[in-house]
Amino acid sequence: MMIVKKIVEWIDNTNNFISSFTMWLILPLIGIMLFEVIMRYAFHSPTVWGAELSSMIFGIYMIYSGPCSVYEKVQVGVDLFSSKWNPRTQAVVHCITYIFTMVFFVSIISLTCKYAVESWELNEISTSAWGQPIYHWKALIPIAYVLTFAQTISDFIRNLWLAVTGEELQ
């Protein structure tokens, strides 16, 4: 039990730390957007980079919220039937559905890794007027999916523990 609990705690703590760090990306995003608006409307001189950089930062901000959303259980779920089941039965059903979720994550991680490696090999740049390198942004995508997958495994372990023992993993 001790090792299982340590694994779950490590995944939770790692993802909470990363999520806490990435939530601060909202501040540079606000700064960039504010700067862009001032430059565009006050000085009639929009930047070439503002819109694209803010999109990239917002994308990272959103995709790195995935692990936190799994941990906090804020995804949309239909519990029309399961809300009437006891916690142990719910845990069994969750374990079964997590198998499908894990297949999805393995597929998406594989695909995004392929695209990230391809982008890195090509030293891909954006097609905008700014023409910034984007391979490093694409490399962050599979990492976010791996972290979300790890958080899903943590949740799976909790549910499996409940399904097997009838007690929640503390």
N, C-alpha and C. Protein backbone atom coordinates (compact mmCIF):
# COMPACT_ATOMS: atom_id res chain seq x y z
N MET A 1 0.82 -1.20 0.00
CA MET A 1 0.00 0.00 0.00
C MET A 1 0.86 1.25 0.00
N MET A 2 1.94 1.23 0.73
CA MET A 2 2.78 2.41 0.87
C MET A 2 3.32 2.87 -0.48
N ILE A 3 3.79 1.93 -1.32
CA ILE A 3 4.36 2.28 -2.61
C ILE A 3 3.29 2.84 -3.54
N VAL A 4 2.10 2.26 -3.51
CA VAL A 4 1.00 2.74 -4.34
C VAL A 4 0.63 4.17 -3.94
N LYS A 5 0.54 4.39 -2.65
CA LYS A 5 0.21 5.73 -2.14
C LYS A 5 1.28 6.74 -2.54
N LYS A 6 2.55 6.34 -2.46
CA LYS A 6 3.66 7.23 -2.83
C LYS A 6 3.61 7.59 -4.32
N ILE A 7 3.29 6.62 -5.16
CA ILE A 7 3.19 6.88 -6.61
C ILE A 7 2.07 7.88 -6.88
N VAL A 8 0.92 7.65 -6.29
CA VAL A 8 -0.22 8.54 -6.48
C VAL A 8 0.11 9.95 -5.97
N GLU A 9 0.72 10.03 -4.81
CA GLU A 9 1.10 11.34 -4.25
C GLU A 9 2.11 12.06 -5.14
N TRP A 10 3.09 11.30 -5.66
CA TRP A 10 4.11 11.90 -6.52
C TRP A 10 3.48 12.47 -7.79
N ILE A 11 2.59 11.70 -8.42
CA ILE A 11 1.91 12.17 -9.64
C ILE A 11 1.08 13.41 -9.31
N ASP A 12 0.30 13.34 -8.24
CA ASP A 12 -0.54 14.48 -7.86
C ASP A 12 0.29 15.73 -7.57
N ASN A 13 1.36 15.57 -6.79
CA ASN A 13 2.20 16.71 -6.43
C ASN A 13 2.92 17.30 -7.63
N THR A 14 3.42 16.44 -8.50
CA THR A 14 4.10 16.92 -9.70
C THR A 14 3.14 17.72 -10.58
N ASN A 15 1.98 17.16 -10.83
CA ASN A 15 1.01 17.86 -11.68
C ASN A 15 0.47 19.12 -11.02
N ASN A 16 0.28 19.10 -9.72
CA ASN A 16 -0.17 20.32 -9.04
C ASN A 16 0.88 21.41 -9.11
N PHE A 17 2.16 21.03 -8.97
CA PHE A 17 3.24 22.01 -9.09
C PHE A 17 3.27 22.62 -10.49
N ILE A 18 3.22 21.77 -11.51
CA ILE A 18 3.26 22.25 -12.89
C ILE A 18 2.04 23.11 -13.20
N SER A 19 0.87 22.69 -12.74
CA SER A 19 -0.35 23.48 -12.96
C SER A 19 -0.27 24.82 -12.25
N SER A 20 0.27 24.82 -11.05
CA SER A 20 0.43 26.08 -10.30
C SER A 20 1.39 27.02 -11.02
N PHE A 21 2.41 26.45 -11.62
CA PHE A 21 3.37 27.26 -12.37
C PHE A 21 2.73 27.82 -13.65
N THR A 22 2.03 26.97 -14.39
CA THR A 22 1.47 27.40 -15.66
C THR A 22 0.31 28.37 -15.50
N MET A 23 -0.35 28.35 -14.36
CA MET A 23 -1.45 29.32 -14.20
C MET A 23 -0.93 30.75 -14.23
N TRP A 24 0.36 30.94 -13.91
CA TRP A 24 0.94 32.28 -13.93
C TRP A 24 1.18 32.78 -15.35
N LEU A 25 1.05 31.91 -16.35
CA LEU A 25 1.18 32.36 -17.74
C LEU A 25 0.10 33.37 -18.11
N ILE A 26 -0.94 33.43 -17.32
CA ILE A 26 -2.01 34.38 -17.60
C ILE A 26 -1.49 35.82 -17.50
N LEU A 27 -0.51 36.06 -16.64
CA LEU A 27 0.02 37.42 -16.48
C LEU A 27 0.77 37.92 -17.72
N PRO A 28 1.74 37.15 -18.26
CA PRO A 28 2.35 37.64 -19.51
C PRO A 28 1.34 37.70 -20.65
N LEU A 29 0.37 36.80 -20.64
CA LEU A 29 -0.67 36.83 -21.68
C LEU A 29 -1.45 38.14 -21.61
N ILE A 30 -1.84 38.54 -20.42
CA ILE A 30 -2.55 39.82 -20.24
C ILE A 30 -1.66 40.97 -20.69
N GLY A 31 -0.38 40.92 -20.29
CA GLY A 31 0.55 41.98 -20.68
C GLY A 31 0.70 42.11 -22.18
N ILE A 32 0.84 40.97 -22.87
CA ILE A 32 1.00 40.99 -24.32
C ILE A 32 -0.27 41.52 -24.99
N MET A 33 -1.41 41.05 -24.52
CA MET A 33 -2.68 41.51 -25.11
C MET A 33 -2.89 43.01 -24.87
N LEU A 34 -2.58 43.47 -23.68
CA LEU A 34 -2.71 44.88 -23.35
C LEU A 34 -1.77 45.71 -24.22
N PHE A 35 -0.53 45.26 -24.35
CA PHE A 35 0.44 45.96 -25.19
C PHE A 35 -0.05 46.02 -26.64
N GLU A 36 -0.55 44.91 -27.13
CA GLU A 36 -1.06 44.85 -28.51
C GLU A 36 -2.22 45.81 -28.72
N VAL A 37 -3.14 45.87 -27.78
CA VAL A 37 -4.30 46.76 -27.90
C VAL A 37 -3.85 48.22 -27.89
N ILE A 38 -2.94 48.54 -26.98
CA ILE A 38 -2.44 49.93 -26.90
C ILE A 38 -1.73 50.30 -28.20
N MET A 39 -0.86 49.42 -28.67
CA MET A 39 -0.13 49.70 -29.91
C MET A 39 -1.07 49.84 -31.10
N ARG A 40 -2.08 48.98 -31.16
CA ARG A 40 -3.00 48.99 -32.29
C ARG A 40 -3.91 50.21 -32.29
N TYR A 41 -4.53 50.51 -31.15
CA TYR A 41 -5.54 51.56 -31.14
C TYR A 41 -5.02 52.94 -30.73
N ALA A 42 -4.01 52.99 -29.90
CA ALA A 42 -3.49 54.29 -29.48
C ALA A 42 -2.44 54.83 -30.46
N PHE A 43 -1.61 53.92 -31.00
CA PHE A 43 -0.52 54.36 -31.86
C PHE A 43 -0.68 53.92 -33.31
N HIS A 44 -1.76 53.22 -33.62
CA HIS A 44 -2.03 52.72 -34.98
C HIS A 44 -0.83 51.96 -35.55
N SER A 45 -0.20 51.17 -34.67
CA SER A 45 0.98 50.41 -35.06
C SER A 45 0.96 49.02 -34.41
N PRO A 46 0.10 48.13 -34.92
CA PRO A 46 0.02 46.80 -34.30
C PRO A 46 1.34 46.03 -34.44
N THR A 47 1.56 45.14 -33.51
CA THR A 47 2.77 44.32 -33.57
C THR A 47 2.56 43.16 -34.52
N VAL A 48 3.64 42.61 -35.01
CA VAL A 48 3.56 41.44 -35.89
C VAL A 48 3.46 40.17 -35.05
N TRP A 49 3.91 40.25 -33.82
CA TRP A 49 4.07 39.08 -33.00
C TRP A 49 3.00 38.92 -31.90
N GLY A 50 2.28 39.97 -31.55
CA GLY A 50 1.37 39.94 -30.40
C GLY A 50 0.30 38.87 -30.46
N ALA A 51 -0.42 38.83 -31.55
CA ALA A 51 -1.53 37.87 -31.67
C ALA A 51 -1.03 36.43 -31.65
N GLU A 52 0.06 36.18 -32.38
CA GLU A 52 0.57 34.81 -32.45
C GLU A 52 1.16 34.35 -31.12
N LEU A 53 1.93 35.21 -30.48
CA LEU A 53 2.52 34.84 -29.20
C LEU A 53 1.44 34.62 -28.14
N SER A 54 0.42 35.48 -28.14
CA SER A 54 -0.65 35.30 -27.16
C SER A 54 -1.41 34.00 -27.41
N SER A 55 -1.58 33.63 -28.67
CA SER A 55 -2.23 32.35 -28.99
C SER A 55 -1.40 31.17 -28.51
N MET A 56 -0.10 31.24 -28.69
CA MET A 56 0.77 30.15 -28.25
C MET A 56 0.75 30.03 -26.73
N ILE A 57 0.85 31.15 -26.04
CA ILE A 57 0.83 31.12 -24.57
C ILE A 57 -0.51 30.60 -24.07
N PHE A 58 -1.60 31.07 -24.67
CA PHE A 58 -2.92 30.61 -24.24
C PHE A 58 -3.09 29.11 -24.51
N GLY A 59 -2.57 28.63 -25.63
CA GLY A 59 -2.64 27.19 -25.93
C GLY A 59 -1.94 26.37 -24.87
N ILE A 60 -0.74 26.80 -24.48
CA ILE A 60 0.00 26.09 -23.44
C ILE A 60 -0.74 26.19 -22.11
N TYR A 61 -1.26 27.36 -21.82
CA TYR A 61 -2.03 27.58 -20.59
C TYR A 61 -3.20 26.59 -20.52
N MET A 62 -3.90 26.42 -21.61
CA MET A 62 -5.08 25.54 -21.63
C MET A 62 -4.70 24.07 -21.59
N ILE A 63 -3.73 23.67 -22.40
CA ILE A 63 -3.40 22.24 -22.48
C ILE A 63 -2.76 21.74 -21.18
N TYR A 64 -2.04 22.61 -20.49
CA TYR A 64 -1.43 22.21 -19.23
C TYR A 64 -2.41 22.28 -18.05
N SER A 65 -3.64 22.68 -18.33
CA SER A 65 -4.68 22.62 -17.30
C SER A 65 -5.32 21.22 -17.26
N GLY A 66 -5.00 20.39 -18.24
CA GLY A 66 -5.55 19.03 -18.32
C GLY A 66 -5.32 18.19 -17.08
N PRO A 67 -4.07 18.08 -16.61
CA PRO A 67 -3.84 17.26 -15.41
C PRO A 67 -4.61 17.78 -14.19
N CYS A 68 -4.67 19.08 -14.06
CA CYS A 68 -5.40 19.67 -12.93
C CYS A 68 -6.89 19.37 -13.03
N SER A 69 -7.42 19.39 -14.25
CA SER A 69 -8.86 19.11 -14.41
C SER A 69 -9.18 17.66 -14.07
N VAL A 70 -8.25 16.75 -14.34
CA VAL A 70 -8.46 15.35 -13.96
C VAL A 70 -8.39 15.23 -12.44
N TYR A 71 -7.40 15.87 -11.83
CA TYR A 71 -7.22 15.81 -10.38
C TYR A 71 -8.43 16.41 -9.64
N GLU A 72 -8.91 17.55 -10.13
CA GLU A 72 -10.03 18.24 -9.48
C GLU A 72 -11.39 17.67 -9.89
N LYS A 73 -11.38 16.75 -10.86
CA LYS A 73 -12.61 16.12 -11.36
C LYS A 73 -13.62 17.15 -11.87
N VAL A 74 -13.15 18.02 -12.77
CA VAL A 74 -14.01 19.06 -13.31
C VAL A 74 -14.48 18.76 -14.74
N GLN A 75 -14.17 17.55 -15.24
CA GLN A 75 -14.64 17.19 -16.57
C GLN A 75 -16.15 16.96 -16.52
N VAL A 76 -16.76 17.09 -17.66
CA VAL A 76 -18.18 16.84 -17.76
C VAL A 76 -18.42 15.34 -17.72
N GLY A 77 -19.33 14.92 -16.89
CA GLY A 77 -19.65 13.51 -16.80
C GLY A 77 -21.16 13.32 -16.74
N VAL A 78 -21.61 12.23 -17.27
CA VAL A 78 -23.04 11.92 -17.20
C VAL A 78 -23.21 10.84 -16.14
N ASP A 79 -23.79 11.23 -15.03
CA ASP A 79 -23.94 10.27 -13.93
C ASP A 79 -25.42 9.97 -13.66
N LEU A 80 -26.17 9.87 -14.73
CA LEU A 80 -27.60 9.60 -14.64
C LEU A 80 -27.86 8.32 -13.85
N PHE A 81 -27.05 7.30 -14.10
CA PHE A 81 -27.21 6.03 -13.41
C PHE A 81 -26.23 5.88 -12.25
N SER A 82 -24.98 6.26 -12.51
CA SER A 82 -23.92 5.98 -11.54
C SER A 82 -24.08 6.75 -10.23
N SER A 83 -24.80 7.85 -10.23
CA SER A 83 -24.98 8.60 -8.98
C SER A 83 -25.78 7.79 -7.94
N LYS A 84 -26.52 6.80 -8.41
CA LYS A 84 -27.33 5.98 -7.51
C LYS A 84 -26.56 4.74 -7.00
N TRP A 85 -25.39 4.48 -7.59
CA TRP A 85 -24.59 3.33 -7.20
C TRP A 85 -23.77 3.65 -5.96
N ASN A 86 -23.37 2.59 -5.26
CA ASN A 86 -22.47 2.81 -4.12
C ASN A 86 -21.06 3.13 -4.64
N PRO A 87 -20.22 3.74 -3.82
CA PRO A 87 -18.89 4.17 -4.27
C PRO A 87 -18.03 3.04 -4.85
N ARG A 88 -18.17 1.85 -4.30
CA ARG A 88 -17.35 0.73 -4.79
C ARG A 88 -17.76 0.35 -6.22
N THR A 89 -19.06 0.30 -6.49
CA THR A 89 -19.55 0.00 -7.84
C THR A 89 -19.13 1.09 -8.81
N GLN A 90 -19.23 2.34 -8.38
CA GLN A 90 -18.78 3.45 -9.22
C GLN A 90 -17.30 3.29 -9.57
N ALA A 91 -16.50 2.90 -8.59
CA ALA A 91 -15.06 2.73 -8.81
C ALA A 91 -14.79 1.62 -9.84
N VAL A 92 -15.55 0.53 -9.76
CA VAL A 92 -15.38 -0.57 -10.72
C VAL A 92 -15.68 -0.07 -12.14
N VAL A 93 -16.79 0.64 -12.28
CA VAL A 93 -17.17 1.17 -13.60
C VAL A 93 -16.13 2.17 -14.10
N HIS A 94 -15.64 3.02 -13.20
CA HIS A 94 -14.61 3.98 -13.59
C HIS A 94 -13.34 3.26 -14.07
N CYS A 95 -12.98 2.20 -13.38
CA CYS A 95 -11.79 1.43 -13.80
C CYS A 95 -11.96 0.88 -15.21
N ILE A 96 -13.14 0.41 -15.52
CA ILE A 96 -13.40 -0.12 -16.86
C ILE A 96 -13.32 1.00 -17.90
N THR A 97 -13.93 2.14 -17.60
CA THR A 97 -13.91 3.24 -18.58
C THR A 97 -12.51 3.84 -18.71
N TYR A 98 -11.72 3.79 -17.64
CA TYR A 98 -10.35 4.31 -17.73
C TYR A 98 -9.50 3.53 -18.71
N ILE A 99 -9.82 2.27 -18.92
CA ILE A 99 -9.08 1.47 -19.90
C ILE A 99 -9.22 2.09 -21.28
N PHE A 100 -10.44 2.52 -21.63
CA PHE A 100 -10.66 3.18 -22.92
C PHE A 100 -9.96 4.53 -22.97
N THR A 101 -9.99 5.24 -21.86
CA THR A 101 -9.31 6.54 -21.78
C THR A 101 -7.82 6.37 -21.99
N MET A 102 -7.26 5.34 -21.40
CA MET A 102 -5.82 5.11 -21.53
C MET A 102 -5.43 4.75 -22.96
N VAL A 103 -6.28 4.00 -23.65
CA VAL A 103 -6.03 3.69 -25.07
C VAL A 103 -6.02 4.99 -25.87
N PHE A 104 -6.95 5.88 -25.58
CA PHE A 104 -7.00 7.18 -26.25
C PHE A 104 -5.71 7.95 -26.00
N PHE A 105 -5.28 8.00 -24.73
CA PHE A 105 -4.08 8.76 -24.40
C PHE A 105 -2.83 8.19 -25.06
N VAL A 106 -2.69 6.89 -25.09
CA VAL A 106 -1.53 6.29 -25.75
C VAL A 106 -1.53 6.68 -27.22
N SER A 107 -2.69 6.65 -27.86
CA SER A 107 -2.78 7.04 -29.27
C SER A 107 -2.41 8.50 -29.48
N ILE A 108 -2.98 9.37 -28.67
CA ILE A 108 -2.74 10.81 -28.86
C ILE A 108 -1.31 11.18 -28.51
N ILE A 109 -0.73 10.53 -27.51
CA ILE A 109 0.67 10.80 -27.16
C ILE A 109 1.58 10.36 -28.29
N SER A 110 1.30 9.20 -28.84
CA SER A 110 2.09 8.69 -29.96
C SER A 110 2.03 9.64 -31.14
N LEU A 111 0.84 10.10 -31.47
CA LEU A 111 0.66 11.00 -32.61
C LEU A 111 1.32 12.35 -32.37
N THR A 112 1.14 12.93 -31.20
CA THR A 112 1.73 14.24 -30.93
C THR A 112 3.25 14.17 -30.83
N CYS A 113 3.78 13.06 -30.34
CA CYS A 113 5.23 12.87 -30.32
C CYS A 113 5.78 12.84 -31.75
N LYS A 114 5.08 12.14 -32.62
CA LYS A 114 5.49 12.06 -34.02
C LYS A 114 5.54 13.45 -34.63
N TYR A 115 4.48 14.25 -34.41
CA TYR A 115 4.44 15.61 -34.96
C TYR A 115 5.50 16.51 -34.34
N ALA A 116 5.74 16.35 -33.05
CA ALA A 116 6.75 17.18 -32.38
C ALA A 116 8.15 16.86 -32.91
N VAL A 117 8.46 15.59 -33.07
CA VAL A 117 9.77 15.19 -33.59
C VAL A 117 9.95 15.69 -35.02
N GLU A 118 8.91 15.52 -35.82
CA GLU A 118 8.93 16.00 -37.20
C GLU A 118 9.19 17.51 -37.25
N SER A 119 8.49 18.24 -36.42
CA SER A 119 8.62 19.69 -36.37
C SER A 119 10.03 20.08 -35.94
N TRP A 120 10.56 19.38 -34.96
CA TRP A 120 11.90 19.66 -34.45
C TRP A 120 12.95 19.39 -35.54
N GLU A 121 12.79 18.25 -36.24
CA GLU A 121 13.73 17.90 -37.31
C GLU A 121 13.73 18.93 -38.43
N LEU A 122 12.57 19.50 -38.71
CA LEU A 122 12.44 20.48 -39.80
C LEU A 122 12.76 21.91 -39.35
N ASN A 123 12.99 22.07 -38.05
CA ASN A 123 13.14 23.43 -37.48
C ASN A 123 11.98 24.30 -37.94
N GLU A 124 10.78 23.78 -37.77
CA GLU A 124 9.57 24.41 -38.28
C GLU A 124 9.39 25.83 -37.75
N ILE A 125 8.98 26.70 -38.66
CA ILE A 125 8.66 28.08 -38.27
C ILE A 125 7.22 28.37 -38.68
N SER A 126 6.64 29.38 -38.06
CA SER A 126 5.25 29.71 -38.38
C SER A 126 5.19 30.37 -39.75
N THR A 127 4.02 30.34 -40.33
CA THR A 127 3.83 30.93 -41.65
C THR A 127 3.36 32.38 -41.56
N SER A 128 3.34 32.92 -40.36
CA SER A 128 2.90 34.30 -40.18
C SER A 128 4.02 35.27 -40.59
N ALA A 129 3.70 36.54 -40.55
CA ALA A 129 4.70 37.57 -40.87
C ALA A 129 5.85 37.54 -39.87
N TRP A 130 5.56 37.12 -38.65
CA TRP A 130 6.60 37.06 -37.62
C TRP A 130 7.58 35.94 -37.92
N GLY A 131 7.08 34.81 -38.36
CA GLY A 131 7.91 33.68 -38.74
C GLY A 131 8.74 33.10 -37.61
N GLN A 132 8.16 33.01 -36.44
CA GLN A 132 8.90 32.49 -35.28
C GLN A 132 9.04 30.98 -35.34
N PRO A 133 10.08 30.43 -34.71
CA PRO A 133 10.19 28.97 -34.61
C PRO A 133 9.03 28.43 -33.77
N ILE A 134 8.46 27.33 -34.20
CA ILE A 134 7.34 26.76 -33.43
C ILE A 134 7.59 25.32 -32.98
N TYR A 135 8.72 24.77 -33.35
CA TYR A 135 8.99 23.38 -32.96
C TYR A 135 9.04 23.21 -31.45
N HIS A 136 9.55 24.21 -30.73
CA HIS A 136 9.59 24.09 -29.27
C HIS A 136 8.19 24.14 -28.66
N TRP A 137 7.28 24.89 -29.29
CA TRP A 137 5.89 24.91 -28.82
C TRP A 137 5.25 23.54 -29.04
N LYS A 138 5.50 22.96 -30.21
CA LYS A 138 4.92 21.64 -30.51
C LYS A 138 5.47 20.55 -29.61
N ALA A 139 6.70 20.72 -29.13
CA ALA A 139 7.29 19.73 -28.23
C ALA A 139 6.60 19.74 -26.87
N LEU A 140 5.98 20.84 -26.52
CA LEU A 140 5.28 20.93 -25.23
C LEU A 140 3.95 20.18 -25.22
N ILE A 141 3.40 19.93 -26.39
CA ILE A 141 2.08 19.28 -26.48
C ILE A 141 2.11 17.84 -25.98
N PRO A 142 3.01 16.98 -26.48
CA PRO A 142 3.00 15.60 -25.94
C PRO A 142 3.34 15.54 -24.46
N ILE A 143 4.15 16.48 -23.98
CA ILE A 143 4.48 16.51 -22.55
C ILE A 143 3.21 16.75 -21.74
N ALA A 144 2.38 17.67 -22.19
CA ALA A 144 1.11 17.94 -21.49
C ALA A 144 0.21 16.72 -21.49
N TYR A 145 0.18 16.00 -22.62
CA TYR A 145 -0.64 14.79 -22.67
C TYR A 145 -0.09 13.69 -21.77
N VAL A 146 1.23 13.59 -21.68
CA VAL A 146 1.83 12.60 -20.78
C VAL A 146 1.46 12.93 -19.34
N LEU A 147 1.52 14.19 -18.98
CA LEU A 147 1.16 14.60 -17.61
C LEU A 147 -0.32 14.32 -17.32
N THR A 148 -1.17 14.58 -18.29
CA THR A 148 -2.60 14.30 -18.11
C THR A 148 -2.84 12.80 -18.03
N PHE A 149 -2.12 12.03 -18.83
CA PHE A 149 -2.20 10.58 -18.78
C PHE A 149 -1.75 10.06 -17.42
N ALA A 150 -0.67 10.61 -16.90
CA ALA A 150 -0.18 10.20 -15.57
C ALA A 150 -1.23 10.51 -14.51
N GLN A 151 -1.89 11.65 -14.62
CA GLN A 151 -2.92 12.00 -13.64
C GLN A 151 -4.11 11.05 -13.77
N THR A 152 -4.39 10.63 -14.99
CA THR A 152 -5.46 9.65 -15.21
C THR A 152 -5.09 8.32 -14.57
N ILE A 153 -3.83 7.93 -14.67
CA ILE A 153 -3.37 6.70 -14.03
C ILE A 153 -3.50 6.82 -12.51
N SER A 154 -3.16 7.98 -11.97
CA SER A 154 -3.31 8.22 -10.53
C SER A 154 -4.77 8.03 -10.11
N ASP A 155 -5.67 8.59 -10.90
CA ASP A 155 -7.10 8.45 -10.60
C ASP A 155 -7.54 6.99 -10.76
N PHE A 156 -7.01 6.32 -11.77
CA PHE A 156 -7.31 4.90 -11.97
C PHE A 156 -6.88 4.09 -10.75
N ILE A 157 -5.68 4.37 -10.25
CA ILE A 157 -5.17 3.64 -9.08
C ILE A 157 -6.08 3.87 -7.87
N ARG A 158 -6.52 5.10 -7.69
CA ARG A 158 -7.45 5.40 -6.58
C ARG A 158 -8.74 4.59 -6.71
N ASN A 159 -9.28 4.58 -7.93
CA ASN A 159 -10.52 3.83 -8.16
C ASN A 159 -10.32 2.33 -8.03
N LEU A 160 -9.19 1.84 -8.51
CA LEU A 160 -8.89 0.41 -8.39
C LEU A 160 -8.76 0.02 -6.92
N TRP A 161 -8.10 0.86 -6.16
CA TRP A 161 -7.95 0.62 -4.72
C TRP A 161 -9.32 0.53 -4.05
N LEU A 162 -10.20 1.48 -4.38
CA LEU A 162 -11.55 1.49 -3.83
C LEU A 162 -12.34 0.26 -4.27
N ALA A 163 -12.20 -0.11 -5.54
CA ALA A 163 -12.92 -1.27 -6.07
C ALA A 163 -12.48 -2.56 -5.40
N VAL A 164 -11.19 -2.69 -5.14
CA VAL A 164 -10.65 -3.92 -4.56
C VAL A 164 -10.86 -3.99 -3.04
N THR A 165 -10.56 -2.88 -2.36
CA THR A 165 -10.59 -2.90 -0.88
C THR A 165 -11.88 -2.39 -0.27
N GLY A 166 -12.61 -1.58 -1.04
CA GLY A 166 -13.82 -0.96 -0.49
C GLY A 166 -13.50 0.30 0.32
N GLU A 167 -12.23 0.64 0.39
CA GLU A 167 -11.80 1.86 1.12
C GLU A 167 -11.09 2.81 0.17
N GLU A 168 -11.23 4.09 0.44
CA GLU A 168 -10.53 5.08 -0.37
C GLU A 168 -9.06 5.12 -0.02
N LEU A 169 -8.24 5.37 -1.00
CA LEU A 169 -6.79 5.48 -0.79
C LEU A 169 -6.52 6.82 -0.13
N GLN A 170 -6.00 6.77 1.07
CA GLN A 170 -5.74 8.01 1.82
C GLN A 170 -4.31 8.40 1.72
